[in-house]
């Protein structure tokens, strides 16, 4: 309901903890850049629910943020290219 009202990005509170919901790829990319820029000054950091960490593991790229996420993504991104996927499948 709020995504329809506020569009791609909106702020809310869950269990008295402020959260930002992102519903589009473009907004997520922008928010990721903003997180790395403001992490030191404002203390912003991506948060993943405990069930995501349990499902994917604590070292998974999907639950990492910041510098660690960037380094892991750079390592695996070439293997996920469209041309390679077409060639393999």
C-alpha atoms as a PDB file:
ATOM      1  CA  UNK A   1       0.000   0.000   0.000  1.00  0.00           C
ATOM      2  CA  UNK A   2       2.784   2.445   0.907  1.00  0.00           C
ATOM      3  CA  UNK A   3       4.779   1.557  -2.217  1.00  0.00           C
ATOM      4  CA  UNK A   4       1.827   2.718  -4.326  1.00  0.00           C
ATOM      5  CA  UNK A   5       1.517   5.892  -2.285  1.00  0.00           C
ATOM      6  CA  UNK A   6       5.204   6.853  -1.961  1.00  0.00           C
ATOM      7  CA  UNK A   7       6.659   5.220  -5.106  1.00  0.00           C
ATOM      8  CA  UNK A   8      10.105   3.543  -5.242  1.00  0.00           C
ATOM      9  CA  UNK A   9      11.572   4.572  -1.889  1.00  0.00           C
ATOM     10  CA  UNK A  10       9.885   5.246   1.401  1.00  0.00           C
ATOM     11  CA  UNK A  11      10.853   5.423   5.053  1.00  0.00           C
ATOM     12  CA  UNK A  12       8.964   3.634   7.800  1.00  0.00           C
ATOM     13  CA  UNK A  13       9.465   2.148  11.251  1.00  0.00           C
ATOM     14  CA  UNK A  14       9.400  -1.543  12.051  1.00  0.00           C
ATOM     15  CA  UNK A  15       9.475  -2.441  15.728  1.00  0.00           C
ATOM     16  CA  UNK A  16      10.550   1.138  16.524  1.00  0.00           C
ATOM     17  CA  UNK A  17      13.576   0.868  14.215  1.00  0.00           C
ATOM     18  CA  UNK A  18      13.742   3.235  11.200  1.00  0.00           C
ATOM     19  CA  UNK A  19      13.838   1.457   7.839  1.00  0.00           C
ATOM     20  CA  UNK A  20      13.922   2.427   4.185  1.00  0.00           C
ATOM     21  CA  UNK A  21      12.086   0.272   1.650  1.00  0.00           C
ATOM     22  CA  UNK A  22      13.301   0.234  -1.946  1.00  0.00           C
ATOM     23  CA  UNK A  23      11.229  -1.277  -4.747  1.00  0.00           C
ATOM     24  CA  UNK A  24      13.176  -0.544  -7.956  1.00  0.00           C
ATOM     25  CA  UNK A  25      16.639  -1.426  -9.263  1.00  0.00           C
ATOM     26  CA  UNK A  26      17.543   2.175 -10.047  1.00  0.00           C
ATOM     27  CA  UNK A  27      16.624   3.373  -6.589  1.00  0.00           C
ATOM     28  CA  UNK A  28      18.491   0.468  -4.988  1.00  0.00           C
ATOM     29  CA  UNK A  29      21.656   1.353  -6.927  1.00  0.00           C
ATOM     30  CA  UNK A  30      21.356   4.984  -5.871  1.00  0.00           C
ATOM     31  CA  UNK A  31      20.750   4.011  -2.261  1.00  0.00           C
ATOM     32  CA  UNK A  32      23.783   1.705  -2.323  1.00  0.00           C
ATOM     33  CA  UNK A  33      25.997   4.560  -3.472  1.00  0.00           C
ATOM     34  CA  UNK A  34      24.510   6.814  -0.810  1.00  0.00           C
ATOM     35  CA  UNK A  35      25.085   4.169   1.869  1.00  0.00           C
ATOM     36  CA  UNK A  36      28.787   3.896   1.085  1.00  0.00           C
ATOM     37  CA  UNK A  37      29.088   7.686   1.030  1.00  0.00           C
ATOM     38  CA  UNK A  38      27.308   8.280   4.346  1.00  0.00           C
ATOM     39  CA  UNK A  39      28.306   5.159   6.303  1.00  0.00           C
ATOM     40  CA  UNK A  40      31.095   6.901   8.229  1.00  0.00           C
ATOM     41  CA  UNK A  41      29.328  10.204   8.893  1.00  0.00           C
ATOM     42  CA  UNK A  42      25.715   9.157   9.487  1.00  0.00           C
ATOM     43  CA  UNK A  43      26.093   5.514  10.418  1.00  0.00           C
ATOM     44  CA  UNK A  44      23.808   4.242   7.648  1.00  0.00           C
ATOM     45  CA  UNK A  45      24.153   0.589   6.800  1.00  0.00           C
ATOM     46  CA  UNK A  46      22.090  -1.950   4.930  1.00  0.00           C
ATOM     47  CA  UNK A  47      20.285  -4.408   7.167  1.00  0.00           C
ATOM     48  CA  UNK A  48      19.204  -7.884   6.266  1.00  0.00           C
ATOM     49  CA  UNK A  49      16.708  -9.826   8.371  1.00  0.00           C
ATOM     50  CA  UNK A  50      18.092 -12.769  10.355  1.00  0.00           C
ATOM     51  CA  UNK A  51      16.166 -15.266   8.221  1.00  0.00           C
ATOM     52  CA  UNK A  52      18.045 -14.040   5.108  1.00  0.00           C
ATOM     53  CA  UNK A  53      21.346 -14.602   6.864  1.00  0.00           C
ATOM     54  CA  UNK A  54      20.218 -18.065   7.972  1.00  0.00           C
ATOM     55  CA  UNK A  55      19.008 -18.948   4.472  1.00  0.00           C
ATOM     56  CA  UNK A  56      22.004 -17.665   2.492  1.00  0.00           C
ATOM     57  CA  UNK A  57      24.725 -17.871   5.146  1.00  0.00           C
ATOM     58  CA  UNK A  58      26.581 -15.068   6.934  1.00  0.00           C
ATOM     59  CA  UNK A  59      29.286 -14.845   4.238  1.00  0.00           C
ATOM     60  CA  UNK A  60      26.931 -14.696   1.253  1.00  0.00           C
ATOM     61  CA  UNK A  61      27.181 -11.778  -1.152  1.00  0.00           C
ATOM     62  CA  UNK A  62      23.442 -11.226  -0.709  1.00  0.00           C
ATOM     63  CA  UNK A  63      23.735 -10.306   2.981  1.00  0.00           C
ATOM     64  CA  UNK A  64      26.972  -8.311   2.832  1.00  0.00           C
ATOM     65  CA  UNK A  65      27.098  -4.546   2.543  1.00  0.00           C
ATOM     66  CA  UNK A  66      29.661  -1.852   1.956  1.00  0.00           C
ATOM     67  CA  UNK A  67      33.221  -2.627   0.878  1.00  0.00           C
ATOM     68  CA  UNK A  68      32.837  -6.393   1.406  1.00  0.00           C
ATOM     69  CA  UNK A  69      29.807  -6.520  -0.898  1.00  0.00           C
ATOM     70  CA  UNK A  70      31.606  -4.474  -3.563  1.00  0.00           C
ATOM     71  CA  UNK A  71      34.671  -6.746  -3.514  1.00  0.00           C
ATOM     72  CA  UNK A  72      32.640  -9.960  -3.712  1.00  0.00           C
ATOM     73  CA  UNK A  73      30.432  -8.565  -6.473  1.00  0.00           C
ATOM     74  CA  UNK A  74      33.478  -7.616  -8.561  1.00  0.00           C
ATOM     75  CA  UNK A  75      34.778 -11.187  -8.221  1.00  0.00           C
ATOM     76  CA  UNK A  76      31.636 -12.966  -9.404  1.00  0.00           C
ATOM     77  CA  UNK A  77      30.126 -10.414 -11.796  1.00  0.00           C
ATOM     78  CA  UNK A  78      32.078 -11.581 -14.882  1.00  0.00           C
ATOM     79  CA  UNK A  79      30.706 -15.120 -14.462  1.00  0.00           C
ATOM     80  CA  UNK A  80      27.141 -13.758 -14.510  1.00  0.00           C
ATOM     81  CA  UNK A  81      27.396 -11.845 -17.782  1.00  0.00           C
ATOM     82  CA  UNK A  82      24.581 -12.236 -20.299  1.00  0.00           C
ATOM     83  CA  UNK A  83      26.894 -13.541 -23.053  1.00  0.00           C
ATOM     84  CA  UNK A  84      28.313 -16.232 -20.777  1.00  0.00           C
ATOM     85  CA  UNK A  85      24.839 -17.279 -19.639  1.00  0.00           C
ATOM     86  CA  UNK A  86      23.681 -17.590 -23.263  1.00  0.00           C
ATOM     87  CA  UNK A  87      26.770 -19.641 -24.163  1.00  0.00           C
ATOM     88  CA  UNK A  88      26.358 -21.991 -21.195  1.00  0.00           C
ATOM     89  CA  UNK A  89      22.611 -22.461 -21.421  1.00  0.00           C
END
